[in-house]
Amino acid sequence: MADPHPSPRCTAEQALERLKAGNERFLAGKAKFPTVQKEVLADLAKGQAPYATILGCSDSRVPPELVFDAGFGELFIIRVAGNVLGPTIAGTLQYAGNHLHTPLFVVMGHEGCGAVQAALANKFDDAEHDRHIEILLANIEPALANLDPTLPPEQLMQAAVEANVRWAVRQVRESPEGRLALADGDLRLVGAIYEIESGRVRFLDD
């Protein structure tokens, strides 16, 4: 009978180092996985054991598997505009923790995020958007509460992107499920920013 709580293949710290090393290979043009062998696909058909779960933005310029030079089955990816946290996203994160047992969870935003920019326009310029986009932006606006609107636009945008990542991390960390999952110290939750122009991922301090 299969172990209902299998030990992860790596620790949270090892998983974070793998992401950082993969991003360095990506930056250096030395990615390991330009193709995938049929044998790998056949093995993955039996099950998955990703070493990290990543909540990222849907932006087409930010594909986590490429950014971290990760192969099939290595990352469990959740992508939604603005890397926002909602009920279905929270459920997916919980699935990753309870059933896939990934030791590392990453919320990754990116420079120039259109959803964050739209949320800034809502907050400071009274912009209006379509109904469902407004619902999405409502998940971002609490992150912008302490921003200084007098900052130069580029600095304001950078601050907003980071604040949005930290807000999502905080929501996960302070949820009852997050508190319980993080309590034993084996699991780690971090924020990150992808730099669109350079391709580098900057991990945020806790």
C-alpha atoms as a PDB file:
ATOM      1  CA  MET A   1       0.000   0.000   0.000  1.00  0.00           C
ATOM      2  CA  ALA A   2       1.338   3.418  -0.966  1.00  0.00           C
ATOM      3  CA  ASP A   3       2.454   5.780   1.770  1.00  0.00           C
ATOM      4  CA  PRO A   4      -0.263   8.495   2.020  1.00  0.00           C
ATOM      5  CA  HIS A   5       2.371  10.988   3.163  1.00  0.00           C
ATOM      6  CA  PRO A   6       5.529  10.215   1.184  1.00  0.00           C
ATOM      7  CA  SER A   7       8.719  12.047   2.056  1.00  0.00           C
ATOM      8  CA  PRO A   8       9.556  14.815  -0.436  1.00  0.00           C
ATOM      9  CA  ARG A   9      12.480  14.191  -2.746  1.00  0.00           C
ATOM     10  CA  CYS A  10      14.157  17.342  -1.472  1.00  0.00           C
ATOM     11  CA  THR A  11      13.840  19.892   1.315  1.00  0.00           C
ATOM     12  CA  ALA A  12      12.439  23.385   0.869  1.00  0.00           C
ATOM     13  CA  GLU A  13      15.976  24.818   0.923  1.00  0.00           C
ATOM     14  CA  GLN A  14      17.159  22.349  -1.721  1.00  0.00           C
ATOM     15  CA  ALA A  15      14.116  23.158  -3.844  1.00  0.00           C
ATOM     16  CA  LEU A  16      14.865  26.889  -3.664  1.00  0.00           C
ATOM     17  CA  GLU A  17      18.493  26.252  -4.653  1.00  0.00           C
ATOM     18  CA  ARG A  18      17.286  24.217  -7.641  1.00  0.00           C
ATOM     19  CA  LEU A  19      15.103  27.116  -8.778  1.00  0.00           C
ATOM     20  CA  LYS A  20      17.979  29.570  -8.421  1.00  0.00           C
ATOM     21  CA  ALA A  21      20.391  27.275 -10.281  1.00  0.00           C
ATOM     22  CA  GLY A  22      17.840  26.740 -13.053  1.00  0.00           C
ATOM     23  CA  ASN A  23      17.359  30.473 -13.470  1.00  0.00           C
ATOM     24  CA  GLU A  24      21.137  30.892 -13.730  1.00  0.00           C
ATOM     25  CA  ARG A  25      21.278  28.259 -16.515  1.00  0.00           C
ATOM     26  CA  PHE A  26      18.404  30.045 -18.255  1.00  0.00           C
ATOM     27  CA  LEU A  27      20.257  33.382 -18.036  1.00  0.00           C
ATOM     28  CA  ALA A  28      23.451  31.776 -19.328  1.00  0.00           C
ATOM     29  CA  GLY A  29      21.717  30.142 -22.304  1.00  0.00           C
ATOM     30  CA  LYS A  30      22.531  26.675 -20.967  1.00  0.00           C
ATOM     31  CA  ALA A  31      19.040  25.273 -20.373  1.00  0.00           C
ATOM     32  CA  LYS A  32      18.965  21.499 -19.902  1.00  0.00           C
ATOM     33  CA  PHE A  33      15.518  20.644 -21.254  1.00  0.00           C
ATOM     34  CA  PRO A  34      15.017  21.780 -24.866  1.00  0.00           C
ATOM     35  CA  THR A  35      13.229  18.468 -25.564  1.00  0.00           C
ATOM     36  CA  VAL A  36      11.829  15.594 -23.530  1.00  0.00           C
ATOM     37  CA  GLN A  37      12.362  11.887 -24.116  1.00  0.00           C
ATOM     38  CA  LYS A  38       9.448   9.478 -24.505  1.00  0.00           C
ATOM     39  CA  GLU A  39      10.798   7.428 -21.621  1.00  0.00           C
ATOM     40  CA  VAL A  40      10.451  10.460 -19.346  1.00  0.00           C
ATOM     41  CA  LEU A  41       6.840  10.969 -20.419  1.00  0.00           C
ATOM     42  CA  ALA A  42       6.067   7.296 -19.832  1.00  0.00           C
ATOM     43  CA  ASP A  43       7.535   7.471 -16.332  1.00  0.00           C
ATOM     44  CA  LEU A  44       5.573  10.638 -15.521  1.00  0.00           C
ATOM     45  CA  ALA A  45       2.356   8.951 -16.627  1.00  0.00           C
ATOM     46  CA  LYS A  46       2.640   6.887 -13.440  1.00  0.00           C
ATOM     47  CA  GLY A  47       2.466   9.949 -11.186  1.00  0.00           C
ATOM     48  CA  GLN A  48       3.994  13.298 -10.337  1.00  0.00           C
ATOM     49  CA  ALA A  49       6.309  14.511  -7.579  1.00  0.00           C
ATOM     50  CA  PRO A  50       7.098  18.183  -8.269  1.00  0.00           C
ATOM     51  CA  TYR A  51       9.699  19.778  -6.022  1.00  0.00           C
ATOM     52  CA  ALA A  52       8.065  23.235  -5.992  1.00  0.00           C
ATOM     53  CA  THR A  53       4.646  24.836  -6.431  1.00  0.00           C
ATOM     54  CA  ILE A  54       4.621  28.228  -8.137  1.00  0.00           C
ATOM     55  CA  LEU A  55       1.777  30.737  -8.205  1.00  0.00           C
ATOM     56  CA  GLY A  56       2.612  33.057 -11.083  1.00  0.00           C
ATOM     57  CA  CYS A  57       1.055  35.485 -13.529  1.00  0.00           C
ATOM     58  CA  SER A  58      -0.591  34.401 -16.783  1.00  0.00           C
ATOM     59  CA  ASP A  59       1.622  36.829 -18.748  1.00  0.00           C
ATOM     60  CA  SER A  60       2.964  35.013 -21.807  1.00  0.00           C
ATOM     61  CA  ARG A  61       6.450  36.403 -21.176  1.00  0.00           C
ATOM     62  CA  VAL A  62       6.808  34.624 -17.820  1.00  0.00           C
ATOM     63  CA  PRO A  63       6.710  30.818 -18.286  1.00  0.00           C
ATOM     64  CA  PRO A  64       8.037  29.359 -15.003  1.00  0.00           C
ATOM     65  CA  GLU A  65       9.254  26.081 -16.515  1.00  0.00           C
ATOM     66  CA  LEU A  66      11.533  27.972 -18.915  1.00  0.00           C
ATOM     67  CA  VAL A  67      12.551  30.641 -16.410  1.00  0.00           C
ATOM     68  CA  PHE A  68      13.741  27.947 -13.972  1.00  0.00           C
ATOM     69  CA  ASP A  69      14.966  25.505 -16.624  1.00  0.00           C
ATOM     70  CA  ALA A  70      12.690  22.848 -15.165  1.00  0.00           C
ATOM     71  CA  GLY A  71      11.628  19.667 -16.917  1.00  0.00           C
ATOM     72  CA  PHE A  72       8.309  17.866 -17.155  1.00  0.00           C
ATOM     73  CA  GLY A  73       6.951  16.913 -13.736  1.00  0.00           C
ATOM     74  CA  GLU A  74       9.313  19.141 -11.732  1.00  0.00           C
ATOM     75  CA  LEU A  75       7.097  22.166 -11.054  1.00  0.00           C
ATOM     76  CA  PHE A  76       3.422  22.419 -10.128  1.00  0.00           C
ATOM     77  CA  ILE A  77       2.309  25.660 -11.780  1.00  0.00           C
ATOM     78  CA  ILE A  78      -0.707  27.860 -11.047  1.00  0.00           C
ATOM     79  CA  ARG A  79      -1.039  30.871 -13.356  1.00  0.00           C
ATOM     80  CA  VAL A  80      -3.579  33.669 -13.061  1.00  0.00           C
ATOM     81  CA  ALA A  81      -3.436  37.340 -14.056  1.00  0.00           C
ATOM     82  CA  GLY A  82      -1.713  39.330 -11.334  1.00  0.00           C
ATOM     83  CA  ASN A  83      -0.751  36.131  -9.451  1.00  0.00           C
ATOM     84  CA  VAL A  84      -3.761  36.808  -7.228  1.00  0.00           C
ATOM     85  CA  LEU A  85      -5.082  34.497  -4.561  1.00  0.00           C
ATOM     86  CA  GLY A  86      -8.743  33.488  -4.721  1.00  0.00           C
ATOM     87  CA  PRO A  87     -10.762  30.476  -3.510  1.00  0.00           C
ATOM     88  CA  THR A  88      -9.935  28.204  -6.450  1.00  0.00           C
ATOM     89  CA  ILE A  89      -6.263  29.198  -6.319  1.00  0.00           C
ATOM     90  CA  ALA A  90      -6.180  28.522  -2.582  1.00  0.00           C
ATOM     91  CA  GLY A  91      -7.739  25.117  -3.225  1.00  0.00           C
ATOM     92  CA  THR A  92      -5.067  24.314  -5.793  1.00  0.00           C
ATOM     93  CA  LEU A  93      -2.318  25.345  -3.380  1.00  0.00           C
ATOM     94  CA  GLN A  94      -3.858  23.164  -0.706  1.00  0.00           C
ATOM     95  CA  TYR A  95      -3.950  20.233  -3.124  1.00  0.00           C
ATOM     96  CA  ALA A  96      -0.245  20.741  -3.838  1.00  0.00           C
ATOM     97  CA  GLY A  97       0.528  20.688  -0.139  1.00  0.00           C
ATOM     98  CA  ASN A  98      -1.750  17.881   0.971  1.00  0.00           C
ATOM     99  CA  HIS A  99      -1.398  15.499  -1.961  1.00  0.00           C
ATOM    100  CA  LEU A 100       1.782  16.372  -3.861  1.00  0.00           C
ATOM    101  CA  HIS A 101       3.771  17.331  -0.749  1.00  0.00           C
ATOM    102  CA  THR A 102       5.893  19.944  -2.487  1.00  0.00           C
ATOM    103  CA  PRO A 103       8.288  21.376   0.113  1.00  0.00           C
ATOM    104  CA  LEU A 104       8.553  24.826  -1.516  1.00  0.00           C
ATOM    105  CA  PHE A 105       5.816  27.307  -2.477  1.00  0.00           C
ATOM    106  CA  VAL A 106       6.662  30.426  -4.495  1.00  0.00           C
ATOM    107  CA  VAL A 107       4.484  33.428  -5.347  1.00  0.00           C
ATOM    108  CA  MET A 108       6.149  34.998  -8.392  1.00  0.00           C
ATOM    109  CA  GLY A 109       5.164  38.387  -9.764  1.00  0.00           C
ATOM    110  CA  HIS A 110       6.898  40.196 -12.585  1.00  0.00           C
ATOM    111  CA  GLU A 111       7.962  43.647 -13.702  1.00  0.00           C
ATOM    112  CA  GLY A 112       5.427  45.535 -15.811  1.00  0.00           C
ATOM    113  CA  CYS A 113       2.471  43.389 -14.702  1.00  0.00           C
ATOM    114  CA  GLY A 114      -0.635  44.638 -16.519  1.00  0.00           C
ATOM    115  CA  ALA A 115      -3.002  43.537 -13.772  1.00  0.00           C
ATOM    116  CA  VAL A 116      -1.051  45.457 -11.139  1.00  0.00           C
ATOM    117  CA  GLN A 117      -0.908  48.485 -13.424  1.00  0.00           C
ATOM    118  CA  ALA A 118      -4.687  48.327 -13.868  1.00  0.00           C
ATOM    119  CA  ALA A 119      -5.154  48.080 -10.097  1.00  0.00           C
ATOM    120  CA  LEU A 120      -3.005  51.190  -9.648  1.00  0.00           C
ATOM    121  CA  ALA A 121      -5.148  53.008 -12.198  1.00  0.00           C
ATOM    122  CA  ASN A 122      -8.263  51.941 -10.294  1.00  0.00           C
ATOM    123  CA  LYS A 123      -6.914  53.158  -6.980  1.00  0.00           C
ATOM    124  CA  PHE A 124      -5.271  56.422  -7.947  1.00  0.00           C
ATOM    125  CA  ASP A 125      -6.908  57.476 -11.236  1.00  0.00           C
ATOM    126  CA  ASP A 126     -10.498  56.208 -10.798  1.00  0.00           C
ATOM    127  CA  ALA A 127     -10.153  54.027 -13.885  1.00  0.00           C
ATOM    128  CA  GLU A 128     -12.967  51.643 -14.807  1.00  0.00           C
ATOM    129  CA  HIS A 129     -12.739  48.134 -16.226  1.00  0.00           C
ATOM    130  CA  ASP A 130     -15.093  45.354 -17.269  1.00  0.00           C
ATOM    131  CA  ARG A 131     -16.927  43.601 -14.440  1.00  0.00           C
ATOM    132  CA  HIS A 132     -14.864  40.430 -14.203  1.00  0.00           C
ATOM    133  CA  ILE A 133     -11.608  42.362 -14.498  1.00  0.00           C
ATOM    134  CA  GLU A 134     -12.808  44.548 -11.623  1.00  0.00           C
ATOM    135  CA  ILE A 135     -13.285  41.396  -9.528  1.00  0.00           C
ATOM    136  CA  LEU A 136      -9.719  40.371 -10.323  1.00  0.00           C
ATOM    137  CA  LEU A 137      -8.350  43.820  -9.457  1.00  0.00           C
ATOM    138  CA  ALA A 138     -10.221  43.815  -6.143  1.00  0.00           C
ATOM    139  CA  ASN A 139      -7.844  41.033  -5.078  1.00  0.00           C
ATOM    140  CA  ILE A 140      -4.840  43.282  -5.781  1.00  0.00           C
ATOM    141  CA  GLU A 141      -5.972  46.620  -4.386  1.00  0.00           C
ATOM    142  CA  PRO A 142      -5.463  45.730  -0.678  1.00  0.00           C
ATOM    143  CA  ALA A 143      -1.772  45.245  -1.493  1.00  0.00           C
ATOM    144  CA  LEU A 144      -1.528  48.859  -2.637  1.00  0.00           C
ATOM    145  CA  ALA A 145      -2.843  50.425   0.569  1.00  0.00           C
ATOM    146  CA  ASN A 146       0.480  51.807   1.804  1.00  0.00           C
ATOM    147  CA  LEU A 147       1.973  52.960  -1.500  1.00  0.00           C
ATOM    148  CA  ASP A 148       2.967  56.583  -2.053  1.00  0.00           C
ATOM    149  CA  PRO A 149       1.132  57.859  -5.166  1.00  0.00           C
ATOM    150  CA  THR A 150       3.638  60.715  -5.530  1.00  0.00           C
ATOM    151  CA  LEU A 151       6.439  58.294  -6.457  1.00  0.00           C
ATOM    152  CA  PRO A 152       7.691  58.484 -10.059  1.00  0.00           C
ATOM    153  CA  PRO A 153       5.557  56.120 -12.192  1.00  0.00           C
ATOM    154  CA  GLU A 154       8.306  53.526 -12.684  1.00  0.00           C
ATOM    155  CA  GLN A 155       9.134  53.394  -8.976  1.00  0.00           C
ATOM    156  CA  LEU A 156       5.442  53.239  -8.075  1.00  0.00           C
ATOM    157  CA  MET A 157       4.963  50.317 -10.444  1.00  0.00           C
ATOM    158  CA  GLN A 158       7.961  48.444  -9.023  1.00  0.00           C
ATOM    159  CA  ALA A 159       6.730  49.003  -5.492  1.00  0.00           C
ATOM    160  CA  ALA A 160       3.228  47.857  -6.440  1.00  0.00           C
ATOM    161  CA  VAL A 161       4.441  44.621  -8.047  1.00  0.00           C
ATOM    162  CA  GLU A 162       6.474  43.736  -4.953  1.00  0.00           C
ATOM    163  CA  ALA A 163       3.651  44.736  -2.610  1.00  0.00           C
ATOM    164  CA  ASN A 164       1.259  42.495  -4.542  1.00  0.00           C
ATOM    165  CA  VAL A 165       3.585  39.507  -4.199  1.00  0.00           C
ATOM    166  CA  ARG A 166       4.050  40.142  -0.491  1.00  0.00           C
ATOM    167  CA  TRP A 167       0.278  40.485  -0.069  1.00  0.00           C
ATOM    168  CA  ALA A 168      -0.358  37.083  -1.650  1.00  0.00           C
ATOM    169  CA  VAL A 169       2.401  35.490   0.447  1.00  0.00           C
ATOM    170  CA  ARG A 170       0.905  37.042   3.568  1.00  0.00           C
ATOM    171  CA  GLN A 171      -2.579  35.740   2.734  1.00  0.00           C
ATOM    172  CA  VAL A 172      -1.272  32.212   2.309  1.00  0.00           C
ATOM    173  CA  ARG A 173       0.919  32.399   5.403  1.00  0.00           C
ATOM    174  CA  GLU A 174      -1.857  33.752   7.646  1.00  0.00           C
ATOM    175  CA  SER A 175      -4.646  31.453   6.455  1.00  0.00           C
ATOM    176  CA  PRO A 176      -5.563  28.616   8.854  1.00  0.00           C
ATOM    177  CA  GLU A 177      -4.335  26.080   6.309  1.00  0.00           C
ATOM    178  CA  GLY A 178      -1.121  27.996   5.703  1.00  0.00           C
ATOM    179  CA  ARG A 179      -0.376  28.350   9.403  1.00  0.00           C
ATOM    180  CA  LEU A 180      -0.891  24.619   9.914  1.00  0.00           C
ATOM    181  CA  ALA A 181       1.216  23.615   6.900  1.00  0.00           C
ATOM    182  CA  LEU A 182       4.095  25.935   7.796  1.00  0.00           C
ATOM    183  CA  ALA A 183       4.073  25.129  11.502  1.00  0.00           C
ATOM    184  CA  ASP A 184       6.513  22.201  11.438  1.00  0.00           C
ATOM    185  CA  GLY A 185       9.160  24.101   9.474  1.00  0.00           C
ATOM    186  CA  ASP A 186       9.638  21.543   6.692  1.00  0.00           C
ATOM    187  CA  LEU A 187       7.680  23.597   4.172  1.00  0.00           C
ATOM    188  CA  ARG A 188       8.790  27.023   2.927  1.00  0.00           C
ATOM    189  CA  LEU A 189       6.847  29.894   1.309  1.00  0.00           C
ATOM    190  CA  VAL A 190       8.710  32.669  -0.534  1.00  0.00           C
ATOM    191  CA  GLY A 191       7.962  35.582  -2.844  1.00  0.00           C
ATOM    192  CA  ALA A 192       9.830  36.380  -6.053  1.00  0.00           C
ATOM    193  CA  ILE A 193       9.930  38.973  -8.835  1.00  0.00           C
ATOM    194  CA  TYR A 194      10.775  38.103 -12.438  1.00  0.00           C
ATOM    195  CA  GLU A 195      12.712  40.849 -14.230  1.00  0.00           C
ATOM    196  CA  ILE A 196      11.228  40.949 -17.729  1.00  0.00           C
ATOM    197  CA  GLU A 197      14.190  42.543 -19.481  1.00  0.00           C
ATOM    198  CA  SER A 198      17.009  40.518 -17.923  1.00  0.00           C
ATOM    199  CA  GLY A 199      15.206  37.217 -17.261  1.00  0.00           C
ATOM    200  CA  ARG A 200      16.512  37.130 -13.693  1.00  0.00           C
ATOM    201  CA  VAL A 201      14.321  36.037 -10.768  1.00  0.00           C
ATOM    202  CA  ARG A 202      14.806  38.038  -7.591  1.00  0.00           C
ATOM    203  CA  PHE A 203      13.713  36.170  -4.478  1.00  0.00           C
ATOM    204  CA  LEU A 204      12.317  38.352  -1.703  1.00  0.00           C
ATOM    205  CA  ASP A 205      13.433  38.153   1.887  1.00  0.00           C
ATOM    206  CA  ASP A 206      10.777  36.703   4.185  1.00  0.00           C
END
